[in-house]
Amino acid sequence: MRAEVETLRVEARAERRKEHPTILTAIELVYRLSGRSLDSATVERAVAVAEGVCPVLAMLRPGTAIATSFRIEA
């Protein structure tokens, strides 16, 4: 995609149920990127590709609500 990423941070928040077993019921992932030539469409495609091949997300998705977003920072 030819974008130059200088920094990448992923913030993760989760909710879990109170009863045992205390499994995760919701996960929120926020990708924070900075770099040259970054635009929303390119970052959105890159995140979609990465999430599509992630075995952890594939394992969690059937039983856990997962929300993702990204922020391009200066």
Protein backbone atom coordinates (compact mmCIF):
# COMPACT_ATOMS: atom_id res chain seq x y z
CA MET A 1 0.00 0.00 0.00
CA ARG A 2 3.10 2.15 0.05
CA ALA A 3 2.23 4.11 3.19
CA GLU A 4 5.04 4.97 5.58
CA VAL A 5 4.00 4.19 9.15
CA GLU A 6 6.20 5.80 11.80
CA THR A 7 4.29 4.76 14.91
CA LEU A 8 1.56 2.25 15.63
CA ARG A 9 -0.16 1.77 18.97
CA VAL A 10 -3.12 -0.44 19.67
CA GLU A 11 -5.32 0.39 22.64
CA ALA A 12 -7.48 -2.45 23.89
CA ARG A 13 -10.40 -2.26 26.29
CA ALA A 14 -12.57 -5.15 27.34
CA GLU A 15 -15.66 -5.92 29.34
CA ARG A 16 -16.18 -9.20 31.09
CA ARG A 17 -19.13 -10.75 32.75
CA LYS A 18 -19.34 -10.82 36.53
CA GLU A 19 -20.29 -14.49 36.85
CA HIS A 20 -17.72 -17.24 36.65
CA PRO A 21 -16.18 -18.02 34.30
CA THR A 22 -15.47 -14.31 33.80
CA ILE A 23 -15.15 -14.41 30.02
CA LEU A 24 -14.77 -11.33 27.85
CA THR A 25 -18.10 -10.14 26.49
CA ALA A 26 -16.91 -7.12 24.50
CA ILE A 27 -13.58 -5.86 23.17
CA GLU A 28 -12.74 -2.46 21.70
CA LEU A 29 -9.54 -2.00 19.69
CA VAL A 30 -8.31 1.46 18.67
CA TYR A 31 -5.39 1.57 16.22
CA ARG A 32 -3.40 4.83 16.51
CA LEU A 33 -1.02 5.50 13.64
CA SER A 34 1.23 8.27 12.49
CA GLY A 35 3.37 8.59 9.41
CA ARG A 36 3.67 10.04 5.95
CA SER A 37 1.20 9.36 3.17
CA LEU A 38 -1.40 7.88 5.51
CA ASP A 39 -4.99 8.35 4.48
CA SER A 40 -8.18 6.88 5.88
CA ALA A 41 -8.87 4.54 2.97
CA THR A 42 -5.37 3.03 3.06
CA VAL A 43 -5.41 2.55 6.84
CA GLU A 44 -8.92 1.08 6.73
CA ARG A 45 -7.83 -1.49 4.12
CA ALA A 46 -4.67 -2.37 6.07
CA VAL A 47 -6.60 -2.88 9.31
CA ALA A 48 -9.19 -5.04 7.53
CA VAL A 49 -6.46 -7.23 6.00
CA ALA A 50 -4.63 -7.59 9.33
CA GLU A 51 -7.82 -8.44 11.21
CA GLY A 52 -8.81 -10.92 8.52
CA VAL A 53 -5.71 -13.04 9.10
CA CYS A 54 -5.46 -12.69 12.89
CA PRO A 55 -6.03 -16.09 14.54
CA VAL A 56 -6.84 -14.53 17.93
CA LEU A 57 -9.65 -12.40 16.48
CA ALA A 58 -10.92 -15.40 14.53
CA MET A 59 -11.10 -17.39 17.75
CA LEU A 60 -12.82 -14.64 19.77
CA ARG A 61 -15.30 -13.29 17.21
CA PRO A 62 -17.94 -16.04 17.39
CA GLY A 63 -18.71 -15.35 21.05
CA THR A 64 -17.40 -11.84 21.70
CA ALA A 65 -18.49 -8.46 20.32
CA ILE A 66 -15.39 -6.79 18.85
CA ALA A 67 -15.37 -3.16 17.75
CA THR A 68 -12.40 -1.63 15.97
CA SER A 69 -11.52 1.88 14.92
CA PHE A 70 -8.43 3.82 13.96
CA ARG A 71 -7.02 7.29 14.40
CA ILE A 72 -4.40 8.88 12.18
CA GLU A 73 -2.36 11.20 14.38
CA ALA A 74 -0.10 14.06 13.40
